[in-house]
Amino acid sequence: MPIHEYVCEKCEKKFEALIRGDEKALCPDCGSGTVKRLLSACGFVSKGNGGESVSASAGSACSGCSSSSCANCGV
């Protein structure tokens, strides 16, 4: 069961939730069901490029900054 990241459209709280089947995510702060699912960065490393490690998020910006490389923000 995947853990998804959300942001509440009412109070703007960012949170994670384990959602099963047809369950709806609710904001843990205000209880609102008006939430938007965020696109999460993948947390794996692929070694399918001739043995060279390639991060799944290489070259893409995190949702928390405007940089094009996580090396710039230390993530």
Protein backbone atom coordinates (compact mmCIF):
# COMPACT_ATOMS: atom_id res chain seq x y z
CA MET A 1 0.00 0.00 0.00
CA PRO A 2 1.52 3.28 -1.09
CA ILE A 3 2.01 6.33 1.05
CA HIS A 4 0.98 9.46 -0.86
CA GLU A 5 1.84 13.10 -0.24
CA TYR A 6 -0.99 15.64 -0.10
CA VAL A 7 -1.60 19.34 0.51
CA CYS A 8 -4.82 20.57 2.09
CA GLU A 9 -6.53 23.19 -0.07
CA LYS A 10 -8.23 24.69 3.00
CA CYS A 11 -5.33 25.18 5.47
CA GLU A 12 -2.37 24.47 3.10
CA LYS A 13 -0.88 21.80 5.41
CA LYS A 14 1.37 19.27 3.62
CA PHE A 15 1.08 15.69 4.89
CA GLU A 16 1.52 12.02 3.99
CA ALA A 17 -1.21 9.40 4.19
CA LEU A 18 -1.46 5.65 3.71
CA ILE A 19 -4.56 5.22 1.55
CA ARG A 20 -6.23 1.85 0.97
CA GLY A 21 -8.63 1.14 -1.87
CA ASP A 22 -11.35 3.77 -2.20
CA GLU A 23 -10.45 5.66 1.01
CA LYS A 24 -10.22 9.44 0.83
CA ALA A 25 -7.38 11.42 2.40
CA LEU A 26 -8.34 13.83 5.17
CA CYS A 27 -6.19 16.69 6.44
CA PRO A 28 -4.81 15.75 9.88
CA ASP A 29 -4.95 19.42 11.03
CA CYS A 30 -8.37 20.68 9.97
CA GLY A 31 -10.13 17.45 8.88
CA SER A 32 -10.94 18.77 5.40
CA GLY A 33 -11.36 16.28 2.57
CA THR A 34 -10.45 18.93 0.01
CA VAL A 35 -6.88 17.79 -0.57
CA LYS A 36 -4.63 17.63 -3.61
CA ARG A 37 -2.22 14.75 -4.18
CA LEU A 38 1.36 15.87 -4.81
CA LEU A 39 3.81 14.30 -7.21
CA SER A 40 6.45 12.55 -5.11
CA ALA A 41 10.10 11.99 -5.97
CA CYS A 42 11.05 8.36 -6.43
CA GLY A 43 13.55 6.99 -3.91
CA PHE A 44 15.44 4.31 -5.83
CA VAL A 45 18.74 4.00 -7.69
CA SER A 46 18.92 2.23 -11.05
CA LYS A 47 22.10 0.40 -12.01
CA GLY A 48 20.86 -0.53 -15.48
CA ASN A 49 23.14 1.91 -17.32
CA GLY A 50 26.27 -0.22 -17.69
CA GLY A 51 26.84 -0.37 -13.93
CA GLU A 52 26.72 3.41 -13.55
CA SER A 53 24.40 4.46 -10.72
CA VAL A 54 21.67 6.81 -11.91
CA SER A 55 19.29 8.38 -9.41
CA ALA A 56 15.64 8.36 -10.42
CA SER A 57 15.32 12.04 -9.58
CA ALA A 58 18.51 13.17 -11.33
CA GLY A 59 17.95 16.29 -13.41
CA SER A 60 14.53 17.02 -11.98
CA ALA A 61 13.55 19.66 -9.48
CA CYS A 62 12.14 18.84 -6.07
CA SER A 63 8.73 20.28 -5.28
CA GLY A 64 10.34 22.27 -2.45
CA CYS A 65 12.76 24.37 -4.50
CA SER A 66 13.34 25.85 -7.93
CA SER A 67 16.74 24.22 -8.49
CA SER A 68 17.21 21.71 -11.31
CA SER A 69 19.54 19.55 -9.19
CA CYS A 70 19.11 18.19 -5.66
CA ALA A 71 22.87 18.66 -5.18
CA ASN A 72 22.18 22.40 -4.95
CA CYS A 73 19.80 22.09 -2.00
CA GLY A 74 21.47 19.15 -0.24
CA VAL A 75 18.62 16.66 -0.58
